[in-house]
């Protein structure tokens, strides 16, 4: 009698903790647990007259500061998604948001999403480091899989996922209805066994040696993560 194949045993797995640190420090950026009292005005100002930044989000744009404050307050009260505000160390100002979501400690799976980077922080080392720090925290905490999902039409997000070293896993067709429109979702993931090589690539990109006197990168993160 033949045996049907089954997956390998997951030995010595302990469910990791849910996200919880109030701050995650980097060289270029500090991730701070979302607090509208400290974060809403900077970020509302940074996104003013930039309604396109909300094109692929299920919320926004926001009519005024009061409406945006109410939204931030609702998000800050949640444990899933667990939101961080991104403080650029060079300017001292808040330039974006990102969160952990679909947090599943029992299976060691966590997603990074709700990423909203204001134009002032886009294409900066701080923006890149923020996501790198979130990936690192998840694997250091004991998660087995970190996910990234986005609208399949969102080409910048798809490119960013690959740049960080996420592996494309396919398209979930008609996955959602967002703002009355169909959304096909592109799924990406990094596994714990992939992270050591990717972590070295991220560290090499963030090294001071990788930037010239004008702050320009010598090697791109895509170049460094491609071999992994």
C-alpha atoms as a PDB file:
ATOM      1  CA  UNK A   1       0.000   0.000   0.000  1.00  0.00           C
ATOM      2  CA  UNK A   2       1.562   3.269  -1.128  1.00  0.00           C
ATOM      3  CA  UNK A   3       1.770   6.260   1.160  1.00  0.00           C
ATOM      4  CA  UNK A   4       0.483   9.618   0.093  1.00  0.00           C
ATOM      5  CA  UNK A   5       3.014  12.453   0.408  1.00  0.00           C
ATOM      6  CA  UNK A   6       2.772  14.725   3.412  1.00  0.00           C
ATOM      7  CA  UNK A   7       4.751  17.805   4.360  1.00  0.00           C
ATOM      8  CA  UNK A   8       7.911  17.707   6.458  1.00  0.00           C
ATOM      9  CA  UNK A   9       7.614  17.863  10.218  1.00  0.00           C
ATOM     10  CA  UNK A  10       8.076  21.373  11.623  1.00  0.00           C
ATOM     11  CA  UNK A  11      10.296  20.601  14.596  1.00  0.00           C
ATOM     12  CA  UNK A  12      10.959  22.838  17.576  1.00  0.00           C
ATOM     13  CA  UNK A  13       8.589  25.554  16.436  1.00  0.00           C
ATOM     14  CA  UNK A  14       7.392  27.974  19.076  1.00  0.00           C
ATOM     15  CA  UNK A  15       4.710  30.462  18.113  1.00  0.00           C
ATOM     16  CA  UNK A  16       6.286  33.923  18.013  1.00  0.00           C
ATOM     17  CA  UNK A  17       4.883  36.893  19.850  1.00  0.00           C
ATOM     18  CA  UNK A  18       2.592  39.378  18.178  1.00  0.00           C
ATOM     19  CA  UNK A  19       4.185  42.696  17.185  1.00  0.00           C
ATOM     20  CA  UNK A  20       4.647  44.951  20.153  1.00  0.00           C
ATOM     21  CA  UNK A  21       7.797  47.104  20.290  1.00  0.00           C
ATOM     22  CA  UNK A  22       6.861  50.754  20.505  1.00  0.00           C
ATOM     23  CA  UNK A  23       9.981  51.773  18.567  1.00  0.00           C
ATOM     24  CA  UNK A  24      12.298  50.110  16.079  1.00  0.00           C
ATOM     25  CA  UNK A  25      15.488  52.079  15.498  1.00  0.00           C
ATOM     26  CA  UNK A  26      17.496  52.209  12.304  1.00  0.00           C
ATOM     27  CA  UNK A  27      20.294  54.325  10.890  1.00  0.00           C
ATOM     28  CA  UNK A  28      18.052  56.475   8.678  1.00  0.00           C
ATOM     29  CA  UNK A  29      14.607  55.977  10.205  1.00  0.00           C
ATOM     30  CA  UNK A  30      12.774  55.284  13.445  1.00  0.00           C
ATOM     31  CA  UNK A  31       9.559  53.282  13.419  1.00  0.00           C
ATOM     32  CA  UNK A  32       7.174  54.597  16.083  1.00  0.00           C
ATOM     33  CA  UNK A  33       3.915  52.974  17.134  1.00  0.00           C
ATOM     34  CA  UNK A  34       1.210  55.042  15.459  1.00  0.00           C
ATOM     35  CA  UNK A  35      -0.031  57.875  17.670  1.00  0.00           C
ATOM     36  CA  UNK A  36      -2.205  60.549  16.030  1.00  0.00           C
ATOM     37  CA  UNK A  37      -1.220  63.109  18.666  1.00  0.00           C
ATOM     38  CA  UNK A  38       2.389  62.914  17.447  1.00  0.00           C
ATOM     39  CA  UNK A  39       2.052  61.833  13.845  1.00  0.00           C
ATOM     40  CA  UNK A  40      -1.093  63.034  12.112  1.00  0.00           C
ATOM     41  CA  UNK A  41      -0.108  66.630  11.338  1.00  0.00           C
ATOM     42  CA  UNK A  42       3.272  65.798   9.771  1.00  0.00           C
ATOM     43  CA  UNK A  43       1.843  63.098   7.560  1.00  0.00           C
ATOM     44  CA  UNK A  44      -1.257  65.013   6.522  1.00  0.00           C
ATOM     45  CA  UNK A  45       0.971  67.907   5.486  1.00  0.00           C
ATOM     46  CA  UNK A  46       3.372  65.593   3.649  1.00  0.00           C
ATOM     47  CA  UNK A  47       0.498  64.156   1.583  1.00  0.00           C
ATOM     48  CA  UNK A  48      -1.367  67.419   0.950  1.00  0.00           C
ATOM     49  CA  UNK A  49      -2.344  67.804  -2.730  1.00  0.00           C
ATOM     50  CA  UNK A  50      -0.926  64.321  -3.417  1.00  0.00           C
ATOM     51  CA  UNK A  51      -4.182  62.362  -3.749  1.00  0.00           C
ATOM     52  CA  UNK A  52      -2.520  59.834  -6.075  1.00  0.00           C
ATOM     53  CA  UNK A  53      -0.671  58.256  -3.121  1.00  0.00           C
ATOM     54  CA  UNK A  54      -4.012  56.690  -2.098  1.00  0.00           C
ATOM     55  CA  UNK A  55      -4.833  55.183  -5.513  1.00  0.00           C
ATOM     56  CA  UNK A  56      -4.202  51.583  -4.443  1.00  0.00           C
ATOM     57  CA  UNK A  57      -5.299  51.950  -0.810  1.00  0.00           C
ATOM     58  CA  UNK A  58      -8.767  50.909   0.421  1.00  0.00           C
ATOM     59  CA  UNK A  59      -9.069  54.335   2.098  1.00  0.00           C
ATOM     60  CA  UNK A  60      -8.151  57.932   1.337  1.00  0.00           C
ATOM     61  CA  UNK A  61      -7.742  60.571   0.166  1.00  0.00           C
ATOM     62  CA  UNK A  62      -8.913  62.400   3.274  1.00  0.00           C
ATOM     63  CA  UNK A  63     -10.943  65.585   3.023  1.00  0.00           C
ATOM     64  CA  UNK A  64      -9.274  67.389   5.900  1.00  0.00           C
ATOM     65  CA  UNK A  65      -7.053  66.961   8.929  1.00  0.00           C
ATOM     66  CA  UNK A  66      -9.955  66.060  11.233  1.00  0.00           C
ATOM     67  CA  UNK A  67     -11.062  63.185   9.000  1.00  0.00           C
ATOM     68  CA  UNK A  68      -7.505  61.917   8.719  1.00  0.00           C
ATOM     69  CA  UNK A  69      -7.048  62.171  12.495  1.00  0.00           C
ATOM     70  CA  UNK A  70     -10.163  60.050  13.038  1.00  0.00           C
ATOM     71  CA  UNK A  71      -8.828  57.424  10.632  1.00  0.00           C
ATOM     72  CA  UNK A  72      -5.414  57.342  12.328  1.00  0.00           C
ATOM     73  CA  UNK A  73      -7.058  57.057  15.757  1.00  0.00           C
ATOM     74  CA  UNK A  74      -9.079  54.051  14.583  1.00  0.00           C
ATOM     75  CA  UNK A  75      -5.969  52.380  13.169  1.00  0.00           C
ATOM     76  CA  UNK A  76      -3.837  53.140  16.237  1.00  0.00           C
ATOM     77  CA  UNK A  77      -6.369  51.336  18.418  1.00  0.00           C
ATOM     78  CA  UNK A  78      -6.013  48.061  16.496  1.00  0.00           C
ATOM     79  CA  UNK A  79      -3.641  45.179  17.208  1.00  0.00           C
ATOM     80  CA  UNK A  80      -4.059  43.874  13.636  1.00  0.00           C
ATOM     81  CA  UNK A  81      -3.129  45.790  11.594  1.00  0.00           C
ATOM     82  CA  UNK A  82      -0.358  47.047  13.872  1.00  0.00           C
ATOM     83  CA  UNK A  83       0.731  50.417  12.499  1.00  0.00           C
ATOM     84  CA  UNK A  84       4.035  52.260  12.648  1.00  0.00           C
ATOM     85  CA  UNK A  85       4.766  55.827  11.629  1.00  0.00           C
ATOM     86  CA  UNK A  86       8.091  56.328   9.869  1.00  0.00           C
ATOM     87  CA  UNK A  87      10.203  59.169  11.241  1.00  0.00           C
ATOM     88  CA  UNK A  88      13.004  60.302   8.946  1.00  0.00           C
ATOM     89  CA  UNK A  89      16.062  60.904  11.124  1.00  0.00           C
ATOM     90  CA  UNK A  90      17.507  63.498   8.755  1.00  0.00           C
ATOM     91  CA  UNK A  91      14.491  65.818   8.942  1.00  0.00           C
ATOM     92  CA  UNK A  92      12.939  64.605  12.174  1.00  0.00           C
ATOM     93  CA  UNK A  93       9.541  64.489  10.470  1.00  0.00           C
ATOM     94  CA  UNK A  94       7.023  61.728   9.826  1.00  0.00           C
ATOM     95  CA  UNK A  95       7.036  60.693   6.172  1.00  0.00           C
ATOM     96  CA  UNK A  96       5.069  57.475   5.972  1.00  0.00           C
ATOM     97  CA  UNK A  97       3.170  54.593   7.501  1.00  0.00           C
ATOM     98  CA  UNK A  98       3.506  50.811   7.382  1.00  0.00           C
ATOM     99  CA  UNK A  99       1.922  47.982   9.322  1.00  0.00           C
ATOM    100  CA  UNK A 100       2.015  44.351  10.218  1.00  0.00           C
ATOM    101  CA  UNK A 101      -1.265  42.620   9.387  1.00  0.00           C
ATOM    102  CA  UNK A 102      -2.838  39.194   8.993  1.00  0.00           C
ATOM    103  CA  UNK A 103      -0.744  38.322  12.024  1.00  0.00           C
ATOM    104  CA  UNK A 104      -0.816  34.546  12.528  1.00  0.00           C
ATOM    105  CA  UNK A 105       1.645  33.485  15.253  1.00  0.00           C
ATOM    106  CA  UNK A 106       0.282  29.925  15.397  1.00  0.00           C
ATOM    107  CA  UNK A 107       1.534  29.327  11.858  1.00  0.00           C
ATOM    108  CA  UNK A 108       4.444  31.768  12.014  1.00  0.00           C
ATOM    109  CA  UNK A 109       3.065  33.958   9.237  1.00  0.00           C
ATOM    110  CA  UNK A 110       2.897  37.750   9.133  1.00  0.00           C
ATOM    111  CA  UNK A 111       2.304  40.305   6.376  1.00  0.00           C
ATOM    112  CA  UNK A 112       3.763  43.775   5.865  1.00  0.00           C
ATOM    113  CA  UNK A 113       1.309  46.160   4.242  1.00  0.00           C
ATOM    114  CA  UNK A 114      -0.662  49.404   4.392  1.00  0.00           C
ATOM    115  CA  UNK A 115       2.584  50.978   3.210  1.00  0.00           C
ATOM    116  CA  UNK A 116       2.054  54.653   2.446  1.00  0.00           C
ATOM    117  CA  UNK A 117       5.201  56.642   1.749  1.00  0.00           C
ATOM    118  CA  UNK A 118       4.712  60.377   1.261  1.00  0.00           C
ATOM    119  CA  UNK A 119       6.537  61.947  -1.697  1.00  0.00           C
ATOM    120  CA  UNK A 120       9.060  63.593   0.639  1.00  0.00           C
ATOM    121  CA  UNK A 121      10.260  60.148   1.797  1.00  0.00           C
ATOM    122  CA  UNK A 122       9.952  58.211  -1.452  1.00  0.00           C
ATOM    123  CA  UNK A 123      13.148  56.776  -2.964  1.00  0.00           C
ATOM    124  CA  UNK A 124      15.176  57.562   0.162  1.00  0.00           C
ATOM    125  CA  UNK A 125      17.335  55.275   2.313  1.00  0.00           C
ATOM    126  CA  UNK A 126      14.906  55.879   5.192  1.00  0.00           C
ATOM    127  CA  UNK A 127      11.978  54.413   3.241  1.00  0.00           C
ATOM    128  CA  UNK A 128      13.953  51.336   2.245  1.00  0.00           C
ATOM    129  CA  UNK A 129      15.352  50.818   5.726  1.00  0.00           C
ATOM    130  CA  UNK A 130      11.893  51.022   7.303  1.00  0.00           C
ATOM    131  CA  UNK A 131      10.664  47.934   5.458  1.00  0.00           C
ATOM    132  CA  UNK A 132      13.978  46.135   5.985  1.00  0.00           C
ATOM    133  CA  UNK A 133      13.660  46.717   9.734  1.00  0.00           C
ATOM    134  CA  UNK A 134      10.135  45.290   9.729  1.00  0.00           C
ATOM    135  CA  UNK A 135      11.236  42.168   7.867  1.00  0.00           C
ATOM    136  CA  UNK A 136      14.176  41.721  10.230  1.00  0.00           C
ATOM    137  CA  UNK A 137      12.019  42.100  13.333  1.00  0.00           C
ATOM    138  CA  UNK A 138       9.583  39.453  12.080  1.00  0.00           C
ATOM    139  CA  UNK A 139      12.252  36.831  11.478  1.00  0.00           C
ATOM    140  CA  UNK A 140      14.127  37.699  14.669  1.00  0.00           C
ATOM    141  CA  UNK A 141      10.841  37.177  16.530  1.00  0.00           C
ATOM    142  CA  UNK A 142      10.508  33.670  15.074  1.00  0.00           C
ATOM    143  CA  UNK A 143       8.109  34.022  12.141  1.00  0.00           C
ATOM    144  CA  UNK A 144       8.566  31.486   9.336  1.00  0.00           C
ATOM    145  CA  UNK A 145       7.038  33.509   6.498  1.00  0.00           C
ATOM    146  CA  UNK A 146       6.720  37.228   5.775  1.00  0.00           C
ATOM    147  CA  UNK A 147       4.186  38.159   3.102  1.00  0.00           C
ATOM    148  CA  UNK A 148       3.705  41.131   0.779  1.00  0.00           C
ATOM    149  CA  UNK A 149       0.511  41.592  -1.210  1.00  0.00           C
ATOM    150  CA  UNK A 150      -0.534  44.385  -3.522  1.00  0.00           C
ATOM    151  CA  UNK A 151      -2.846  45.281  -6.350  1.00  0.00           C
ATOM    152  CA  UNK A 152      -1.417  43.502  -9.380  1.00  0.00           C
ATOM    153  CA  UNK A 153      -1.698  46.810 -11.287  1.00  0.00           C
ATOM    154  CA  UNK A 154       0.486  48.590  -8.729  1.00  0.00           C
ATOM    155  CA  UNK A 155       3.776  48.299 -10.590  1.00  0.00           C
ATOM    156  CA  UNK A 156       5.873  50.291  -8.070  1.00  0.00           C
ATOM    157  CA  UNK A 157       4.768  47.981  -5.248  1.00  0.00           C
ATOM    158  CA  UNK A 158       5.454  44.872  -7.323  1.00  0.00           C
ATOM    159  CA  UNK A 159       8.953  46.148  -8.133  1.00  0.00           C
ATOM    160  CA  UNK A 160       9.568  47.023  -4.498  1.00  0.00           C
ATOM    161  CA  UNK A 161       8.661  43.517  -3.354  1.00  0.00           C
ATOM    162  CA  UNK A 162      11.208  41.982  -5.712  1.00  0.00           C
ATOM    163  CA  UNK A 163      13.806  44.580  -4.730  1.00  0.00           C
ATOM    164  CA  UNK A 164      13.574  43.525  -1.074  1.00  0.00           C
ATOM    165  CA  UNK A 165      13.931  39.883  -2.066  1.00  0.00           C
ATOM    166  CA  UNK A 166      10.317  38.734  -1.864  1.00  0.00           C
ATOM    167  CA  UNK A 167       9.479  35.853  -4.221  1.00  0.00           C
ATOM    168  CA  UNK A 168       6.467  36.223  -6.513  1.00  0.00           C
ATOM    169  CA  UNK A 169       3.962  33.455  -5.832  1.00  0.00           C
ATOM    170  CA  UNK A 170       1.110  34.277  -8.187  1.00  0.00           C
ATOM    171  CA  UNK A 171      -2.005  36.346  -8.809  1.00  0.00           C
ATOM    172  CA  UNK A 172      -5.222  35.902  -6.833  1.00  0.00           C
ATOM    173  CA  UNK A 173      -7.803  36.895  -9.444  1.00  0.00           C
ATOM    174  CA  UNK A 174     -10.866  38.884  -8.362  1.00  0.00           C
ATOM    175  CA  UNK A 175      -9.478  38.826  -4.853  1.00  0.00           C
ATOM    176  CA  UNK A 176     -11.142  42.030  -3.627  1.00  0.00           C
ATOM    177  CA  UNK A 177     -13.454  44.895  -4.485  1.00  0.00           C
ATOM    178  CA  UNK A 178     -11.670  48.115  -3.515  1.00  0.00           C
ATOM    179  CA  UNK A 179     -13.414  51.465  -3.880  1.00  0.00           C
ATOM    180  CA  UNK A 180     -15.915  49.780  -6.154  1.00  0.00           C
ATOM    181  CA  UNK A 181     -13.256  48.352  -8.501  1.00  0.00           C
ATOM    182  CA  UNK A 182     -11.958  44.838  -9.011  1.00  0.00           C
ATOM    183  CA  UNK A 183      -8.571  44.065  -7.501  1.00  0.00           C
ATOM    184  CA  UNK A 184      -6.420  41.154  -8.603  1.00  0.00           C
ATOM    185  CA  UNK A 185      -3.769  40.695  -5.904  1.00  0.00           C
ATOM    186  CA  UNK A 186      -0.118  39.829  -6.474  1.00  0.00           C
ATOM    187  CA  UNK A 187       1.324  37.675  -3.662  1.00  0.00           C
ATOM    188  CA  UNK A 188       4.975  37.623  -2.592  1.00  0.00           C
ATOM    189  CA  UNK A 189       6.797  36.071   0.356  1.00  0.00           C
ATOM    190  CA  UNK A 190      10.167  35.628   2.041  1.00  0.00           C
ATOM    191  CA  UNK A 191      10.743  32.446   4.056  1.00  0.00           C
ATOM    192  CA  UNK A 192      12.899  32.137   7.137  1.00  0.00           C
ATOM    193  CA  UNK A 193      15.422  30.000   5.239  1.00  0.00           C
ATOM    194  CA  UNK A 194      15.771  32.778   2.628  1.00  0.00           C
ATOM    195  CA  UNK A 195      16.353  35.546   5.136  1.00  0.00           C
ATOM    196  CA  UNK A 196      19.996  34.997   6.203  1.00  0.00           C
ATOM    197  CA  UNK A 197      21.304  35.667   2.680  1.00  0.00           C
ATOM    198  CA  UNK A 198      18.832  38.498   2.155  1.00  0.00           C
ATOM    199  CA  UNK A 199      19.710  39.991   5.539  1.00  0.00           C
ATOM    200  CA  UNK A 200      23.360  40.219   4.487  1.00  0.00           C
ATOM    201  CA  UNK A 201      22.277  41.912   1.243  1.00  0.00           C
ATOM    202  CA  UNK A 202      20.140  44.410   3.139  1.00  0.00           C
ATOM    203  CA  UNK A 203      22.972  45.126   5.578  1.00  0.00           C
ATOM    204  CA  UNK A 204      25.402  45.653   2.683  1.00  0.00           C
ATOM    205  CA  UNK A 205      23.018  48.119   1.058  1.00  0.00           C
ATOM    206  CA  UNK A 206      22.541  50.055   4.307  1.00  0.00           C
ATOM    207  CA  UNK A 207      26.276  50.161   5.069  1.00  0.00           C
ATOM    208  CA  UNK A 208      27.866  53.630   4.998  1.00  0.00           C
ATOM    209  CA  UNK A 209      30.357  52.207   2.488  1.00  0.00           C
ATOM    210  CA  UNK A 210      27.519  51.799  -0.026  1.00  0.00           C
ATOM    211  CA  UNK A 211      26.897  55.559  -0.226  1.00  0.00           C
ATOM    212  CA  UNK A 212      29.156  58.215  -1.689  1.00  0.00           C
ATOM    213  CA  UNK A 213      29.757  61.677  -0.243  1.00  0.00           C
ATOM    214  CA  UNK A 214      26.534  62.953  -1.843  1.00  0.00           C
ATOM    215  CA  UNK A 215      24.508  60.081  -0.386  1.00  0.00           C
ATOM    216  CA  UNK A 216      24.121  58.226  -3.681  1.00  0.00           C
ATOM    217  CA  UNK A 217      24.068  54.444  -3.556  1.00  0.00           C
ATOM    218  CA  UNK A 218      26.989  52.576  -5.098  1.00  0.00           C
ATOM    219  CA  UNK A 219      25.060  49.313  -5.494  1.00  0.00           C
ATOM    220  CA  UNK A 220      21.291  49.004  -5.658  1.00  0.00           C
ATOM    221  CA  UNK A 221      19.390  46.750  -3.303  1.00  0.00           C
ATOM    222  CA  UNK A 222      18.133  44.809  -6.327  1.00  0.00           C
ATOM    223  CA  UNK A 223      21.724  44.010  -7.319  1.00  0.00           C
ATOM    224  CA  UNK A 224      22.508  42.788  -3.835  1.00  0.00           C
ATOM    225  CA  UNK A 225      19.379  40.682  -3.294  1.00  0.00           C
ATOM    226  CA  UNK A 226      19.323  39.112  -6.780  1.00  0.00           C
ATOM    227  CA  UNK A 227      21.843  36.329  -5.989  1.00  0.00           C
ATOM    228  CA  UNK A 228      19.825  35.330  -2.901  1.00  0.00           C
END
